[in-house]
Amino acid sequence: VVPVPYVSKIRVGEREIVPDIMREGMPTVKLKHDENSFSVDIAAISHILASDNTFSYRLMDVQDDWKELKGLQSINFNNVPSGEHTFELKAANNEGIWNEDV
């Protein structure tokens, strides 16, 4: 069974945004021009060895290459240029089988 990744929280300065994980897809977040640093907390719905999940993410038009992380994580983005960017996230289970639904 492949894990289903999701964004559990987005932090912009002192503000926290907690998306409704029951909605389909990633949340849309609009930031002000001076809110160019933020963090994204990620997790996955997984019923087997959740601590062994691997994540891969990218922020399109900023970081087009996928970056890999192991376990529950918080991802920091700093000095992101203004514009419209898409955060993509996928996850793999403990056997390395990826959920390719981005």
Protein backbone atom coordinates (compact mmCIF):
# COMPACT_ATOMS: atom_id res chain seq x y z
CA VAL A 1 0.00 0.00 0.00
CA VAL A 2 1.50 3.33 -1.02
CA PRO A 3 1.26 6.27 1.40
CA VAL A 4 -0.86 9.31 0.57
CA PRO A 5 1.17 12.48 1.22
CA TYR A 6 -0.37 15.73 2.41
CA VAL A 7 0.53 19.18 3.71
CA SER A 8 -0.25 19.31 7.42
CA LYS A 9 0.70 22.92 8.08
CA ILE A 10 2.14 26.00 6.37
CA ARG A 11 3.91 28.63 8.45
CA VAL A 12 4.46 32.16 7.23
CA GLY A 13 6.12 34.22 9.97
CA GLU A 14 3.86 33.92 13.02
CA ARG A 15 0.86 32.81 10.94
CA GLU A 16 -0.05 29.14 10.64
CA ILE A 17 -2.28 27.74 7.92
CA VAL A 18 -3.70 24.27 8.55
CA PRO A 19 -5.21 22.85 5.36
CA ASP A 20 -8.27 20.61 5.36
CA ILE A 21 -6.64 17.27 4.47
CA MET A 22 -9.99 15.78 3.60
CA ARG A 23 -10.24 18.05 0.55
CA GLU A 24 -8.76 16.69 -2.60
CA GLY A 25 -5.51 18.23 -3.79
CA MET A 26 -3.09 20.69 -2.29
CA PRO A 27 -4.31 23.91 -0.71
CA THR A 28 -3.95 27.23 -2.50
CA VAL A 29 -2.14 29.82 -0.44
CA LYS A 30 -1.67 33.43 -1.49
CA LEU A 31 1.20 35.30 0.10
CA LYS A 32 2.00 39.00 0.12
CA HIS A 33 5.01 40.18 -1.87
CA ASP A 34 7.10 40.49 1.32
CA GLU A 35 6.15 36.99 2.58
CA ASN A 36 8.90 35.24 0.67
CA SER A 37 10.03 32.83 3.40
CA PHE A 38 7.79 30.06 4.72
CA SER A 39 7.79 26.44 5.84
CA VAL A 40 5.64 23.51 4.81
CA ASP A 41 5.04 20.59 7.19
CA ILE A 42 4.36 17.32 5.39
CA ALA A 43 3.12 13.89 6.44
CA ALA A 44 1.53 10.84 4.85
CA ILE A 45 -1.43 8.62 5.52
CA SER A 46 0.24 5.25 5.84
CA HIS A 47 -0.78 2.15 7.73
CA ILE A 48 2.52 0.25 7.58
CA LEU A 49 5.81 1.55 9.05
CA ALA A 50 4.90 5.22 8.59
CA SER A 51 8.25 6.28 10.06
CA ASP A 52 9.96 4.66 7.05
CA ASN A 53 8.13 6.75 4.46
CA THR A 54 10.21 8.73 1.99
CA PHE A 55 9.00 12.02 0.52
CA SER A 56 9.96 13.83 -2.63
CA TYR A 57 9.02 17.47 -3.23
CA ARG A 58 9.65 20.46 -5.45
CA LEU A 59 8.47 24.05 -5.78
CA MET A 60 7.96 24.60 -9.48
CA ASP A 61 9.65 27.64 -11.06
CA VAL A 62 11.90 27.89 -7.98
CA GLN A 63 13.30 24.37 -7.58
CA ASP A 64 12.33 22.17 -10.51
CA ASP A 65 14.40 19.17 -9.37
CA TRP A 66 12.82 16.75 -6.91
CA LYS A 67 14.38 16.67 -3.41
CA GLU A 68 14.03 13.59 -1.23
CA LEU A 69 13.36 13.42 2.54
CA LYS A 70 12.89 10.52 4.95
CA GLY A 71 10.20 10.46 7.68
CA LEU A 72 8.02 13.34 8.90
CA GLN A 73 9.46 16.65 7.84
CA SER A 74 9.24 20.40 7.76
CA ILE A 75 10.53 22.02 4.58
CA ASN A 76 11.83 25.61 4.68
CA PHE A 77 11.75 27.94 1.71
CA ASN A 78 13.64 31.25 1.88
CA ASN A 79 13.75 34.26 -0.43
CA VAL A 80 11.23 32.78 -2.84
CA PRO A 81 10.75 35.17 -5.76
CA SER A 82 7.27 36.64 -6.18
CA GLY A 83 4.99 34.94 -8.66
CA GLU A 84 2.80 31.88 -8.88
CA HIS A 85 4.48 28.65 -7.77
CA THR A 86 3.19 25.09 -7.42
CA PHE A 87 4.35 22.85 -4.57
CA GLU A 88 4.40 19.18 -5.57
CA LEU A 89 4.69 16.28 -3.15
CA LYS A 90 4.82 12.51 -3.48
CA ALA A 91 5.64 9.69 -1.07
CA ALA A 92 7.04 6.17 -1.07
CA ASN A 93 6.41 3.36 1.40
CA ASN A 94 9.07 1.41 3.32
CA GLU A 95 9.60 -0.80 0.24
CA GLY A 96 10.37 2.17 -2.02
CA ILE A 97 7.09 2.02 -3.95
CA TRP A 98 6.10 5.57 -4.89
CA ASN A 99 2.65 7.13 -4.94
CA GLU A 100 3.01 8.96 -8.24
CA ASP A 101 -0.11 11.08 -7.71
CA VAL A 102 1.41 14.52 -7.36
